[in-house]
């Protein structure tokens, strides 16, 4: 039995969620996938997977063994990349994930410039507002907005973004501008599921933080929809500063209650950081970090007046 091959098949089964899906991913017959897993379990004298007609789950031994397999195969990959010269010249494939709007507005232009500078690197850019798991989803580096949980990931902070309250000039002319967060009770609001509680918005920071009930007139699931609805006069919305930047610059939205804003959210590039970094990843971090810091530099929108 080729144990490295069996480990690879096991990880594909776990990542794909089933033997058949792993077989399709690997281009391998289902019977071959099943046989390799059974041979591995026989070699280890331990059951790794609980199989049923509806789902496949790891046993306790399986969870421990899969974690070890990931480390071992990562080390093997590092050794092969070193032998193949990947650590002596920036080349190969690189996968990056970022939030949808920030990725389109800020990350994509940086990636485009990076690819012009490094012609032997190919990139996959995954734009998603879901927090993607780096190892499970085979991601090399992620741009994250918000406080980072304690983990083994290595983070490079790039700057911060604000959570801003905004409304259209038309709404403000009809209803007046709120002077304090409590005044929001007098206004219709547009809530964005990805950023806020649907029933209250938080203001201030630390011990002075307060939660203010709001009246959602419309709830949407994308920042673009919240901004468009607010610009159309449906109500007041809260989004991230970069999301509203274009509408504010065009005069379609005005920023409100700046002195009551909560602490800005950090923006970071994170990666697994285990062992020697591939040169392609190191090249991207060194290239992208200063450019993204420049894009996050304070501006009339990026920091309260």
Protein backbone atom coordinates (compact mmCIF):
# COMPACT_ATOMS: atom_id res chain seq x y z
CA UNK A 1 0.00 0.00 0.00
CA UNK A 2 1.25 3.47 -0.94
CA UNK A 3 0.58 5.29 2.31
CA UNK A 4 1.06 8.81 0.92
CA UNK A 5 -1.44 8.04 -1.82
CA UNK A 6 -3.86 6.56 0.72
CA UNK A 7 -3.50 9.67 2.90
CA UNK A 8 -4.24 11.87 -0.11
CA UNK A 9 -7.35 9.85 -0.95
CA UNK A 10 -8.51 10.02 2.67
CA UNK A 11 -8.18 13.83 2.72
CA UNK A 12 -10.08 14.10 -0.56
CA UNK A 13 -12.86 11.92 0.87
CA UNK A 14 -13.07 14.11 3.99
CA UNK A 15 -12.96 17.38 2.01
CA UNK A 16 -15.46 16.20 -0.60
CA UNK A 17 -17.82 14.73 1.99
CA UNK A 18 -18.28 11.32 0.37
CA UNK A 19 -16.41 8.49 -1.33
CA UNK A 20 -18.17 9.04 -4.64
CA UNK A 21 -17.47 12.80 -4.68
CA UNK A 22 -13.81 12.13 -3.90
CA UNK A 23 -13.70 9.58 -6.71
CA UNK A 24 -15.03 12.15 -9.18
CA UNK A 25 -12.51 14.72 -7.95
CA UNK A 26 -9.63 12.24 -8.27
CA UNK A 27 -10.85 10.58 -11.47
CA UNK A 28 -10.85 7.25 -9.61
CA UNK A 29 -13.55 4.54 -9.52
CA UNK A 30 -15.62 4.44 -6.34
CA UNK A 31 -14.49 0.87 -5.67
CA UNK A 32 -10.83 1.95 -5.77
CA UNK A 33 -11.47 4.82 -3.35
CA UNK A 34 -13.28 2.49 -0.94
CA UNK A 35 -10.53 -0.14 -1.20
CA UNK A 36 -7.77 2.36 -0.40
CA UNK A 37 -9.62 3.64 2.67
CA UNK A 38 -10.28 0.08 3.84
CA UNK A 39 -6.62 -0.86 3.33
CA UNK A 40 -5.52 2.18 5.32
CA UNK A 41 -7.90 1.31 8.17
CA UNK A 42 -6.66 -2.29 8.13
CA UNK A 43 -3.04 -1.09 8.27
CA UNK A 44 -3.82 1.20 11.21
CA UNK A 45 -6.11 -1.34 12.90
CA UNK A 46 -8.56 1.51 13.47
CA UNK A 47 -11.78 2.73 11.89
CA UNK A 48 -11.32 6.23 10.45
CA UNK A 49 -14.74 6.88 8.92
CA UNK A 50 -18.31 6.22 9.98
CA UNK A 51 -20.17 5.42 6.77
CA UNK A 52 -23.92 5.56 6.26
CA UNK A 53 -26.20 5.98 3.27
CA UNK A 54 -26.74 9.66 4.12
CA UNK A 55 -23.47 10.95 5.52
CA UNK A 56 -19.84 10.25 6.22
CA UNK A 57 -18.21 11.37 9.48
CA UNK A 58 -14.80 10.97 11.07
CA UNK A 59 -14.27 8.84 14.13
CA UNK A 60 -12.18 10.23 16.99
CA UNK A 61 -9.19 8.32 15.64
CA UNK A 62 -10.02 9.59 12.17
CA UNK A 63 -10.00 13.23 13.25
CA UNK A 64 -6.57 12.84 14.85
CA UNK A 65 -5.18 10.93 11.89
CA UNK A 66 -6.55 13.39 9.29
CA UNK A 67 -4.93 16.32 11.10
CA UNK A 68 -1.62 14.45 11.07
CA UNK A 69 -2.05 13.60 7.37
CA UNK A 70 -2.51 17.26 6.52
CA UNK A 71 0.72 18.17 8.30
CA UNK A 72 2.65 15.30 6.68
CA UNK A 73 1.42 16.03 3.15
CA UNK A 74 2.11 19.73 3.62
CA UNK A 75 5.70 18.91 4.58
CA UNK A 76 6.03 16.61 1.58
CA UNK A 77 4.68 19.38 -0.63
CA UNK A 78 7.21 21.82 0.84
CA UNK A 79 10.04 19.38 0.08
CA UNK A 80 8.84 18.89 -3.50
CA UNK A 81 8.47 22.63 -4.07
CA UNK A 82 11.99 23.18 -2.76
CA UNK A 83 13.37 20.49 -5.06
CA UNK A 84 11.38 21.91 -7.97
CA UNK A 85 12.76 25.40 -7.46
CA UNK A 86 9.57 27.02 -6.20
CA UNK A 87 11.51 28.46 -3.29
CA UNK A 88 14.20 29.91 -5.56
CA UNK A 89 11.87 31.72 -7.99
CA UNK A 90 8.27 32.95 -7.60
CA UNK A 91 6.17 30.53 -9.62
CA UNK A 92 3.16 28.25 -9.28
CA UNK A 93 -0.50 28.60 -8.29
CA UNK A 94 -1.75 30.85 -5.50
CA UNK A 95 -5.29 31.03 -4.08
CA UNK A 96 -6.57 34.14 -2.30
CA UNK A 97 -9.95 34.85 -0.73
CA UNK A 98 -11.47 38.22 0.20
CA UNK A 99 -14.89 39.74 0.97
CA UNK A 100 -16.92 40.41 -2.18
CA UNK A 101 -17.03 44.21 -2.34
CA UNK A 102 -13.59 44.85 -0.85
CA UNK A 103 -12.16 42.19 -3.12
CA UNK A 104 -13.67 43.72 -6.25
CA UNK A 105 -12.77 47.31 -5.36
CA UNK A 106 -9.34 46.89 -3.79
CA UNK A 107 -7.91 43.36 -3.98
CA UNK A 108 -8.54 42.70 -7.67
CA UNK A 109 -6.56 45.77 -8.85
CA UNK A 110 -3.63 44.71 -6.64
CA UNK A 111 -3.83 41.13 -7.95
CA UNK A 112 -3.86 42.42 -11.53
CA UNK A 113 -0.67 44.42 -10.93
CA UNK A 114 0.91 41.47 -9.12
CA UNK A 115 0.29 39.13 -12.06
CA UNK A 116 1.92 41.63 -14.43
CA UNK A 117 4.97 41.70 -12.19
CA UNK A 118 5.19 37.92 -11.68
CA UNK A 119 4.32 36.21 -14.99
CA UNK A 120 5.08 32.69 -13.69
CA UNK A 121 2.43 32.85 -10.95
CA UNK A 122 -1.22 31.99 -11.63
CA UNK A 123 -3.86 33.08 -9.12
CA UNK A 124 -7.37 32.04 -8.12
CA UNK A 125 -9.33 34.83 -6.39
CA UNK A 126 -12.32 33.62 -4.35
CA UNK A 127 -14.66 36.49 -3.43
CA UNK A 128 -16.97 35.48 -0.61
CA UNK A 129 -18.42 37.12 2.50
CA UNK A 130 -18.27 33.71 4.18
CA UNK A 131 -15.24 33.11 6.43
CA UNK A 132 -13.40 30.48 4.43
CA UNK A 133 -11.32 27.81 6.21
CA UNK A 134 -7.81 28.07 4.78
CA UNK A 135 -6.71 24.44 5.10
CA UNK A 136 -10.03 22.76 4.33
CA UNK A 137 -10.70 24.98 1.30
CA UNK A 138 -7.08 24.95 0.06
CA UNK A 139 -6.59 28.71 0.44
CA UNK A 140 -3.06 30.15 0.58
CA UNK A 141 -3.93 33.60 1.93
CA UNK A 142 -7.10 35.39 3.04
CA UNK A 143 -8.03 39.02 3.52
CA UNK A 144 -10.13 39.29 6.66
CA UNK A 145 -12.11 42.25 8.01
CA UNK A 146 -12.80 42.21 11.76
CA UNK A 147 -11.18 40.99 14.94
CA UNK A 148 -9.25 37.76 14.40
CA UNK A 149 -9.77 34.84 16.80
CA UNK A 150 -6.71 33.41 18.48
CA UNK A 151 -5.35 30.76 16.14
CA UNK A 152 -2.19 29.43 14.55
CA UNK A 153 -2.70 31.71 11.54
CA UNK A 154 -0.14 34.44 10.86
CA UNK A 155 -1.69 37.89 10.36
CA UNK A 156 -0.39 41.08 8.75
CA UNK A 157 -2.55 44.10 9.62
CA UNK A 158 -3.16 46.48 6.72
CA UNK A 159 -5.36 49.15 8.26
CA UNK A 160 -8.93 49.60 9.41
CA UNK A 161 -12.40 50.30 8.04
CA UNK A 162 -15.30 52.05 9.73
CA UNK A 163 -18.90 51.03 10.25
CA UNK A 164 -20.77 54.05 8.94
CA UNK A 165 -24.38 55.21 9.20
CA UNK A 166 -25.64 56.82 6.01
CA UNK A 167 -28.80 58.09 4.34
CA UNK A 168 -29.81 59.86 1.16
CA UNK A 169 -30.18 63.65 0.99
CA UNK A 170 -33.85 63.06 0.12
CA UNK A 171 -34.48 61.04 3.27
CA UNK A 172 -32.74 63.66 5.40
CA UNK A 173 -34.75 66.51 3.85
CA UNK A 174 -38.01 64.69 4.60
CA UNK A 175 -37.19 63.35 8.07
CA UNK A 176 -34.24 65.39 9.32
CA UNK A 177 -30.83 64.07 10.36
CA UNK A 178 -30.52 62.08 13.59
CA UNK A 179 -28.42 63.95 16.16
CA UNK A 180 -27.80 60.96 18.46
CA UNK A 181 -28.12 57.19 17.99
CA UNK A 182 -31.38 57.24 19.99
CA UNK A 183 -32.92 59.38 17.22
CA UNK A 184 -32.77 56.35 14.91
CA UNK A 185 -36.01 55.18 16.54
CA UNK A 186 -37.73 57.92 14.51
CA UNK A 187 -36.37 56.66 11.16
CA UNK A 188 -36.95 53.69 8.88
CA UNK A 189 -33.77 51.64 8.51
CA UNK A 190 -32.30 49.28 5.91
CA UNK A 191 -30.47 46.39 7.57
CA UNK A 192 -27.71 44.33 6.01
CA UNK A 193 -27.57 40.75 7.31
CA UNK A 194 -23.83 40.41 6.80
CA UNK A 195 -22.85 43.22 9.15
CA UNK A 196 -25.44 44.05 11.77
CA UNK A 197 -27.95 42.67 14.16
CA UNK A 198 -31.35 43.00 12.50
CA UNK A 199 -32.86 44.61 15.61
CA UNK A 200 -30.13 46.88 17.07
CA UNK A 201 -26.95 48.75 16.09
CA UNK A 202 -23.99 49.22 18.42
CA UNK A 203 -22.30 52.59 18.95
CA UNK A 204 -19.30 53.76 20.94
CA UNK A 205 -16.46 51.60 22.17
CA UNK A 206 -15.34 49.79 25.28
CA UNK A 207 -17.25 50.63 28.45
CA UNK A 208 -19.19 53.36 26.68
CA UNK A 209 -20.59 50.99 24.05
CA UNK A 210 -24.38 51.13 23.69
CA UNK A 211 -26.88 49.08 21.70
CA UNK A 212 -29.64 51.06 20.02
CA UNK A 213 -32.88 49.39 18.81
CA UNK A 214 -33.73 50.17 15.18
CA UNK A 215 -36.82 49.82 13.01
CA UNK A 216 -35.95 47.75 9.90
CA UNK A 217 -38.16 48.76 6.99
CA UNK A 218 -36.14 46.60 4.61
CA UNK A 219 -33.66 43.78 5.23
CA UNK A 220 -31.24 42.72 2.49
CA UNK A 221 -28.35 40.29 2.27
CA UNK A 222 -25.78 42.33 0.32
CA UNK A 223 -24.09 45.64 1.00
CA UNK A 224 -24.79 46.82 -2.56
CA UNK A 225 -28.53 46.32 -2.06
CA UNK A 226 -28.46 48.16 1.28
CA UNK A 227 -26.62 51.09 -0.30
CA UNK A 228 -28.94 51.23 -3.31
CA UNK A 229 -32.02 51.12 -1.08
CA UNK A 230 -30.69 53.86 1.18
CA UNK A 231 -29.75 55.99 -1.83
CA UNK A 232 -33.33 55.52 -3.11
CA UNK A 233 -34.64 56.99 0.16
CA UNK A 234 -35.98 53.79 1.76
CA UNK A 235 -34.21 54.56 5.04
CA UNK A 236 -30.95 54.83 6.95
CA UNK A 237 -28.42 52.02 6.62
CA UNK A 238 -25.14 50.93 8.18
CA UNK A 239 -22.37 49.49 6.00
CA UNK A 240 -18.58 49.51 5.95
CA UNK A 241 -16.88 52.73 4.88
CA UNK A 242 -15.35 51.34 1.68
CA UNK A 243 -18.73 49.93 0.63
CA UNK A 244 -20.35 53.36 0.77
CA UNK A 245 -17.38 55.34 -0.57
CA UNK A 246 -18.62 55.67 -4.16
CA UNK A 247 -22.18 56.65 -3.17
CA UNK A 248 -20.83 59.24 -0.72
CA UNK A 249 -18.44 60.72 -3.28
CA UNK A 250 -21.30 60.94 -5.81
CA UNK A 251 -23.53 62.69 -3.27
CA UNK A 252 -26.12 59.90 -3.21
CA UNK A 253 -25.47 59.22 0.49
CA UNK A 254 -24.32 61.30 3.45
CA UNK A 255 -22.46 59.98 6.51
CA UNK A 256 -24.25 60.50 9.85
CA UNK A 257 -23.42 60.19 13.56
CA UNK A 258 -19.68 59.98 12.97
CA UNK A 259 -18.80 60.96 16.55
CA UNK A 260 -20.73 57.93 17.86
CA UNK A 261 -19.14 55.28 15.61
CA UNK A 262 -17.78 52.09 17.21
CA UNK A 263 -14.09 51.28 17.00
CA UNK A 264 -12.88 50.66 13.43
CA UNK A 265 -12.51 47.06 12.26
CA UNK A 266 -9.00 45.80 11.46
CA UNK A 267 -8.19 44.56 7.96
CA UNK A 268 -5.59 41.80 7.78
CA UNK A 269 -3.93 39.35 5.43
CA UNK A 270 -3.73 35.91 7.07
CA UNK A 271 -2.02 32.69 6.08
CA UNK A 272 -1.16 29.36 7.69
CA UNK A 273 2.50 30.25 8.06
CA UNK A 274 3.72 26.71 8.77
CA UNK A 275 7.33 26.01 7.82
CA UNK A 276 9.21 27.83 5.07
CA UNK A 277 6.87 30.08 3.08
CA UNK A 278 6.77 29.37 -0.65
CA UNK A 279 8.38 32.24 -2.52
CA UNK A 280 5.15 32.84 -4.46
CA UNK A 281 3.31 33.53 -1.18
CA UNK A 282 6.11 35.64 0.26
CA UNK A 283 6.25 37.64 -2.99
CA UNK A 284 2.51 38.28 -2.86
CA UNK A 285 2.56 39.37 0.79
CA UNK A 286 5.46 41.76 0.19
CA UNK A 287 3.82 43.14 -2.97
CA UNK A 288 0.21 43.38 -1.77
CA UNK A 289 0.58 44.60 1.82
CA UNK A 290 1.95 48.10 1.05
CA UNK A 291 -0.51 48.61 -1.82
CA UNK A 292 -3.49 47.62 0.32
CA UNK A 293 -2.24 49.81 3.18
CA UNK A 294 -2.19 52.71 0.75
CA UNK A 295 -5.75 51.99 -0.31
CA UNK A 296 -6.82 51.94 3.35
CA UNK A 297 -4.98 55.15 4.23
CA UNK A 298 -7.13 57.78 5.99
CA UNK A 299 -9.36 59.88 3.73
CA UNK A 300 -12.35 62.14 4.35
CA UNK A 301 -14.52 58.99 4.41
CA UNK A 302 -12.07 56.64 6.06
CA UNK A 303 -11.85 58.58 9.32
CA UNK A 304 -14.33 60.77 11.17
CA UNK A 305 -14.05 64.50 10.62
